[in-house]
Amino acid sequence: MSEKTIGVGTDKYEGHTPAPWKNEGGDIYAANGEHIADTVLNMVIPQEEAHANTQLIADAPLLLEEVKRLREELEGREAYIKRLSEQLARATKWAYKQVLHNDSAMMDFDDYVWGEEK
């Protein structure tokens, strides 16, 4: 699965300072105490919103980890769905061959597989 199919690519974030990051009054610090970034608490927007924005920045590495985990999970589920689709196609082909020369069974098969659920 390409990253384009799900949104933002994550390769550009490789090498970032590892989590956790801490927000201390608009300054962002790494777990080892290294100062990572300053944010400016904009006075044009409400202070609560500015603090939330700063916290979002501080949580970025955790959010990135979650995006990567979810992508892996999605890839696994897509592979599973692909296998199920292939198995269903084989089973349908086999069942079709079993009823091929029996008109009544063939009609039942078509109704059951392609018609409305009963």
N, C-alpha and C. Protein backbone atom coordinates (compact mmCIF):
# COMPACT_ATOMS: atom_id res chain seq x y z
N MET A 1 0.85 -1.16 0.00
CA MET A 1 0.00 0.00 0.00
C MET A 1 0.89 1.23 0.00
N SER A 2 0.60 2.13 -0.86
CA SER A 2 1.40 3.35 -0.90
C SER A 2 0.84 4.36 0.07
N GLU A 3 1.72 5.23 0.57
CA GLU A 3 1.28 6.23 1.52
C GLU A 3 0.32 7.23 0.86
N LYS A 4 0.40 7.36 -0.45
CA LYS A 4 -0.51 8.27 -1.15
C LYS A 4 -1.96 7.83 -1.00
N THR A 5 -2.19 6.53 -0.90
CA THR A 5 -3.56 6.06 -0.81
C THR A 5 -4.19 6.37 0.53
N ILE A 6 -3.36 6.65 1.55
CA ILE A 6 -3.93 6.92 2.86
C ILE A 6 -3.70 8.33 3.34
N GLY A 7 -2.96 9.11 2.66
CA GLY A 7 -2.77 10.49 3.11
C GLY A 7 -1.31 10.88 3.17
N VAL A 8 -0.94 11.54 4.23
CA VAL A 8 0.39 12.12 4.40
C VAL A 8 1.44 11.03 4.50
N GLY A 9 2.52 11.21 3.75
CA GLY A 9 3.65 10.29 3.87
C GLY A 9 4.40 10.56 5.16
N THR A 10 4.98 9.52 5.74
CA THR A 10 5.66 9.68 7.03
C THR A 10 7.17 9.65 6.92
N ASP A 11 7.70 9.34 5.75
CA ASP A 11 9.16 9.26 5.60
C ASP A 11 9.85 10.57 5.94
N LYS A 12 9.20 11.67 5.67
CA LYS A 12 9.83 12.97 5.92
C LYS A 12 10.05 13.24 7.41
N TYR A 13 9.47 12.43 8.27
CA TYR A 13 9.63 12.62 9.71
C TYR A 13 10.73 11.75 10.31
N GLU A 14 11.34 10.90 9.48
CA GLU A 14 12.40 10.02 9.99
C GLU A 14 13.52 10.86 10.58
N GLY A 15 14.02 10.44 11.74
CA GLY A 15 15.11 11.15 12.39
C GLY A 15 14.66 12.21 13.36
N HIS A 16 13.35 12.37 13.58
CA HIS A 16 12.88 13.38 14.53
C HIS A 16 13.28 12.98 15.96
N THR A 17 13.25 13.92 16.85
CA THR A 17 13.54 13.64 18.26
C THR A 17 12.50 12.66 18.78
N PRO A 18 12.94 11.58 19.43
CA PRO A 18 11.99 10.56 19.89
C PRO A 18 11.03 11.08 20.95
N ALA A 19 9.89 10.42 21.03
CA ALA A 19 8.88 10.72 22.06
C ALA A 19 9.41 10.23 23.41
N PRO A 20 8.86 10.72 24.49
CA PRO A 20 7.80 11.71 24.58
C PRO A 20 8.36 13.13 24.56
N TRP A 21 7.54 14.03 24.11
CA TRP A 21 7.85 15.46 24.19
C TRP A 21 6.96 16.05 25.27
N LYS A 22 7.44 17.12 25.88
CA LYS A 22 6.68 17.75 26.96
C LYS A 22 6.47 19.22 26.64
N ASN A 23 5.26 19.69 26.87
CA ASN A 23 4.90 21.09 26.68
C ASN A 23 4.99 21.80 28.02
N GLU A 24 5.89 22.76 28.10
CA GLU A 24 6.00 23.56 29.33
C GLU A 24 5.83 25.02 28.97
N GLY A 25 4.59 25.48 29.05
CA GLY A 25 4.29 26.88 28.80
C GLY A 25 4.64 27.36 27.41
N GLY A 26 4.50 26.50 26.44
CA GLY A 26 4.78 26.89 25.06
C GLY A 26 6.17 26.47 24.59
N ASP A 27 7.00 26.00 25.50
CA ASP A 27 8.30 25.44 25.12
C ASP A 27 8.15 23.93 25.06
N ILE A 28 8.72 23.33 24.02
CA ILE A 28 8.62 21.89 23.83
C ILE A 28 9.98 21.27 24.17
N TYR A 29 9.96 20.26 25.05
CA TYR A 29 11.18 19.60 25.50
C TYR A 29 11.10 18.10 25.22
N ALA A 30 12.27 17.52 24.91
CA ALA A 30 12.39 16.07 24.76
C ALA A 30 12.45 15.44 26.14
N ALA A 31 12.35 14.11 26.18
CA ALA A 31 12.39 13.39 27.45
C ALA A 31 13.70 13.62 28.19
N ASN A 32 14.78 13.84 27.44
CA ASN A 32 16.09 14.07 28.06
C ASN A 32 16.29 15.52 28.49
N GLY A 33 15.25 16.34 28.34
CA GLY A 33 15.32 17.75 28.75
C GLY A 33 15.79 18.69 27.66
N GLU A 34 16.16 18.15 26.51
CA GLU A 34 16.62 18.98 25.39
C GLU A 34 15.47 19.86 24.91
N HIS A 35 15.76 21.13 24.71
CA HIS A 35 14.76 22.08 24.21
C HIS A 35 14.60 21.84 22.72
N ILE A 36 13.38 21.52 22.29
CA ILE A 36 13.13 21.19 20.89
C ILE A 36 12.58 22.39 20.13
N ALA A 37 11.62 23.08 20.71
CA ALA A 37 10.95 24.16 19.97
C ALA A 37 10.31 25.15 20.92
N ASP A 38 10.18 26.37 20.41
CA ASP A 38 9.40 27.41 21.08
C ASP A 38 8.13 27.60 20.28
N THR A 39 7.05 27.79 20.95
CA THR A 39 5.83 28.17 20.25
C THR A 39 5.44 29.54 20.79
N VAL A 40 4.82 30.29 19.97
CA VAL A 40 4.37 31.62 20.37
C VAL A 40 2.90 31.52 20.68
N LEU A 41 2.53 31.91 21.87
CA LEU A 41 1.12 31.91 22.24
C LEU A 41 0.48 33.15 21.63
N ASN A 42 -0.13 32.95 20.51
CA ASN A 42 -0.74 34.01 19.73
C ASN A 42 -1.87 34.66 20.52
N MET A 43 -1.82 35.95 20.65
CA MET A 43 -2.85 36.66 21.41
C MET A 43 -4.12 36.91 20.60
N VAL A 44 -4.09 36.60 19.31
CA VAL A 44 -5.25 36.82 18.46
C VAL A 44 -6.28 35.70 18.67
N ILE A 45 -5.80 34.50 18.96
CA ILE A 45 -6.72 33.39 19.21
C ILE A 45 -6.86 33.20 20.72
N PRO A 46 -7.94 32.58 21.15
CA PRO A 46 -8.12 32.36 22.59
C PRO A 46 -6.95 31.56 23.18
N GLN A 47 -6.59 31.88 24.41
CA GLN A 47 -5.46 31.24 25.07
C GLN A 47 -5.64 29.73 25.16
N GLU A 48 -6.86 29.29 25.42
CA GLU A 48 -7.14 27.85 25.50
C GLU A 48 -6.79 27.16 24.17
N GLU A 49 -7.16 27.79 23.06
CA GLU A 49 -6.85 27.24 21.73
C GLU A 49 -5.35 27.22 21.49
N ALA A 50 -4.67 28.27 21.89
CA ALA A 50 -3.21 28.34 21.72
C ALA A 50 -2.52 27.24 22.51
N HIS A 51 -2.98 26.99 23.73
CA HIS A 51 -2.40 25.92 24.54
C HIS A 51 -2.68 24.55 23.91
N ALA A 52 -3.88 24.38 23.38
CA ALA A 52 -4.22 23.12 22.71
C ALA A 52 -3.33 22.90 21.49
N ASN A 53 -3.06 23.96 20.74
CA ASN A 53 -2.18 23.85 19.57
C ASN A 53 -0.77 23.44 19.99
N THR A 54 -0.29 24.04 21.08
CA THR A 54 1.04 23.70 21.58
C THR A 54 1.09 22.24 22.04
N GLN A 55 0.03 21.79 22.69
CA GLN A 55 0.00 20.40 23.14
C GLN A 55 -0.04 19.45 21.94
N LEU A 56 -0.74 19.84 20.89
CA LEU A 56 -0.76 19.02 19.67
C LEU A 56 0.64 18.86 19.11
N ILE A 57 1.41 19.94 19.11
CA ILE A 57 2.80 19.87 18.65
C ILE A 57 3.59 18.91 19.53
N ALA A 58 3.42 19.03 20.85
CA ALA A 58 4.15 18.16 21.78
C ALA A 58 3.77 16.69 21.60
N ASP A 59 2.54 16.42 21.20
CA ASP A 59 2.08 15.04 21.01
C ASP A 59 2.39 14.48 19.62
N ALA A 60 2.97 15.28 18.76
CA ALA A 60 3.23 14.86 17.37
C ALA A 60 3.94 13.50 17.26
N PRO A 61 5.00 13.23 18.02
CA PRO A 61 5.65 11.92 17.88
C PRO A 61 4.74 10.75 18.25
N LEU A 62 3.90 10.95 19.24
CA LEU A 62 2.97 9.89 19.63
C LEU A 62 1.91 9.67 18.55
N LEU A 63 1.45 10.76 17.96
CA LEU A 63 0.47 10.66 16.88
C LEU A 63 1.08 9.98 15.66
N LEU A 64 2.35 10.29 15.37
CA LEU A 64 3.04 9.65 14.26
C LEU A 64 3.17 8.15 14.49
N GLU A 65 3.52 7.74 15.69
CA GLU A 65 3.61 6.31 16.02
C GLU A 65 2.26 5.62 15.79
N GLU A 66 1.19 6.29 16.20
CA GLU A 66 -0.14 5.71 16.04
C GLU A 66 -0.52 5.60 14.56
N VAL A 67 -0.17 6.60 13.76
CA VAL A 67 -0.44 6.53 12.31
C VAL A 67 0.29 5.33 11.71
N LYS A 68 1.55 5.15 12.07
CA LYS A 68 2.33 4.02 11.54
C LYS A 68 1.72 2.69 11.97
N ARG A 69 1.31 2.60 13.24
CA ARG A 69 0.70 1.36 13.74
C ARG A 69 -0.60 1.05 13.00
N LEU A 70 -1.42 2.07 12.81
CA LEU A 70 -2.70 1.87 12.12
C LEU A 70 -2.49 1.49 10.66
N ARG A 71 -1.47 2.06 10.03
CA ARG A 71 -1.18 1.69 8.64
C ARG A 71 -0.77 0.22 8.53
N GLU A 72 0.04 -0.23 9.47
CA GLU A 72 0.44 -1.64 9.47
C GLU A 72 -0.79 -2.54 9.66
N GLU A 73 -1.65 -2.15 10.59
CA GLU A 73 -2.86 -2.92 10.83
C GLU A 73 -3.74 -2.94 9.58
N LEU A 74 -3.87 -1.80 8.92
CA LEU A 74 -4.68 -1.72 7.71
C LEU A 74 -4.10 -2.60 6.60
N GLU A 75 -2.78 -2.57 6.45
CA GLU A 75 -2.15 -3.42 5.44
C GLU A 75 -2.43 -4.89 5.71
N GLY A 76 -2.38 -5.30 6.98
CA GLY A 76 -2.68 -6.68 7.35
C GLY A 76 -4.11 -7.04 7.03
N ARG A 77 -5.01 -6.13 7.32
CA ARG A 77 -6.43 -6.39 7.03
C ARG A 77 -6.68 -6.43 5.53
N GLU A 78 -6.02 -5.57 4.77
CA GLU A 78 -6.20 -5.60 3.31
C GLU A 78 -5.69 -6.91 2.74
N ALA A 79 -4.56 -7.40 3.26
CA ALA A 79 -4.03 -8.68 2.79
C ALA A 79 -5.00 -9.82 3.12
N TYR A 80 -5.58 -9.76 4.31
CA TYR A 80 -6.55 -10.78 4.72
C TYR A 80 -7.79 -10.74 3.83
N ILE A 81 -8.30 -9.56 3.54
CA ILE A 81 -9.47 -9.42 2.67
C ILE A 81 -9.15 -9.94 1.27
N LYS A 82 -7.94 -9.66 0.78
CA LYS A 82 -7.55 -10.16 -0.54
C LYS A 82 -7.55 -11.68 -0.55
N ARG A 83 -7.00 -12.31 0.51
CA ARG A 83 -6.99 -13.78 0.59
C ARG A 83 -8.41 -14.32 0.63
N LEU A 84 -9.28 -13.69 1.42
CA LEU A 84 -10.68 -14.14 1.49
C LEU A 84 -11.37 -14.02 0.14
N SER A 85 -11.11 -12.93 -0.58
CA SER A 85 -11.72 -12.74 -1.90
C SER A 85 -11.26 -13.83 -2.86
N GLU A 86 -9.98 -14.16 -2.81
CA GLU A 86 -9.45 -15.22 -3.68
C GLU A 86 -10.07 -16.57 -3.33
N GLN A 87 -10.21 -16.84 -2.03
CA GLN A 87 -10.82 -18.10 -1.59
C GLN A 87 -12.28 -18.16 -2.01
N LEU A 88 -12.98 -17.05 -1.87
CA LEU A 88 -14.39 -17.01 -2.27
C LEU A 88 -14.53 -17.24 -3.77
N ALA A 89 -13.66 -16.66 -4.56
CA ALA A 89 -13.71 -16.86 -6.01
C ALA A 89 -13.48 -18.33 -6.35
N ARG A 90 -12.50 -18.96 -5.68
CA ARG A 90 -12.25 -20.39 -5.94
C ARG A 90 -13.44 -21.24 -5.51
N ALA A 91 -14.02 -20.94 -4.35
CA ALA A 91 -15.16 -21.70 -3.85
C ALA A 91 -16.36 -21.54 -4.77
N THR A 92 -16.58 -20.33 -5.25
CA THR A 92 -17.70 -20.08 -6.16
C THR A 92 -17.50 -20.84 -7.47
N LYS A 93 -16.28 -20.82 -7.98
CA LYS A 93 -15.98 -21.55 -9.22
C LYS A 93 -16.22 -23.05 -9.02
N TRP A 94 -15.77 -23.59 -7.88
CA TRP A 94 -15.96 -25.01 -7.60
C TRP A 94 -17.45 -25.34 -7.51
N ALA A 95 -18.20 -24.53 -6.75
CA ALA A 95 -19.63 -24.79 -6.58
C ALA A 95 -20.35 -24.70 -7.92
N TYR A 96 -19.96 -23.75 -8.74
CA TYR A 96 -20.58 -23.58 -10.06
C TYR A 96 -20.39 -24.85 -10.89
N LYS A 97 -19.19 -25.41 -10.85
CA LYS A 97 -18.92 -26.66 -11.60
C LYS A 97 -19.77 -27.81 -11.08
N GLN A 98 -20.06 -27.81 -9.79
CA GLN A 98 -20.83 -28.91 -9.19
C GLN A 98 -22.29 -28.90 -9.67
N VAL A 99 -22.83 -27.72 -9.97
CA VAL A 99 -24.24 -27.62 -10.35
C VAL A 99 -24.43 -27.34 -11.84
N LEU A 100 -23.34 -27.34 -12.59
CA LEU A 100 -23.36 -26.92 -13.99
C LEU A 100 -24.39 -27.67 -14.84
N HIS A 101 -24.55 -28.96 -14.64
CA HIS A 101 -25.43 -29.75 -15.51
C HIS A 101 -26.77 -30.07 -14.85
N ASN A 102 -27.08 -29.38 -13.78
CA ASN A 102 -28.35 -29.56 -13.09
C ASN A 102 -29.05 -28.21 -13.09
N ASP A 103 -30.03 -28.06 -14.01
CA ASP A 103 -30.68 -26.76 -14.18
C ASP A 103 -31.32 -26.22 -12.90
N SER A 104 -31.99 -27.08 -12.16
CA SER A 104 -32.64 -26.64 -10.93
C SER A 104 -31.60 -26.18 -9.90
N ALA A 105 -30.55 -26.98 -9.75
CA ALA A 105 -29.49 -26.62 -8.81
C ALA A 105 -28.78 -25.35 -9.27
N MET A 106 -28.61 -25.21 -10.59
CA MET A 106 -27.95 -24.02 -11.13
C MET A 106 -28.76 -22.77 -10.81
N MET A 107 -30.08 -22.84 -10.95
CA MET A 107 -30.92 -21.68 -10.65
C MET A 107 -30.85 -21.36 -9.16
N ASP A 108 -30.90 -22.40 -8.33
CA ASP A 108 -30.78 -22.18 -6.88
C ASP A 108 -29.43 -21.55 -6.54
N PHE A 109 -28.38 -22.07 -7.19
CA PHE A 109 -27.03 -21.55 -6.94
C PHE A 109 -26.95 -20.07 -7.32
N ASP A 110 -27.41 -19.74 -8.51
CA ASP A 110 -27.37 -18.34 -8.96
C ASP A 110 -28.18 -17.43 -8.04
N ASP A 111 -29.38 -17.89 -7.66
CA ASP A 111 -30.21 -17.09 -6.76
C ASP A 111 -29.52 -16.89 -5.42
N TYR A 112 -28.92 -17.95 -4.90
CA TYR A 112 -28.30 -17.88 -3.59
C TYR A 112 -27.05 -17.00 -3.60
N VAL A 113 -26.19 -17.20 -4.63
CA VAL A 113 -24.92 -16.46 -4.66
C VAL A 113 -25.11 -15.02 -5.09
N TRP A 114 -25.93 -14.79 -6.11
CA TRP A 114 -26.02 -13.45 -6.70
C TRP A 114 -27.32 -12.72 -6.36
N GLY A 115 -28.29 -13.46 -5.82
CA GLY A 115 -29.58 -12.84 -5.52
C GLY A 115 -29.64 -12.26 -4.13
N GLU A 116 -30.84 -12.01 -3.71
CA GLU A 116 -31.07 -11.42 -2.38
C GLU A 116 -30.81 -12.46 -1.30
N GLU A 117 -30.41 -11.97 -0.12
CA GLU A 117 -30.18 -12.86 1.01
C GLU A 117 -31.50 -13.45 1.46
N LYS A 118 -31.42 -14.68 1.89
CA LYS A 118 -32.63 -15.37 2.36
C LYS A 118 -32.53 -15.62 3.83
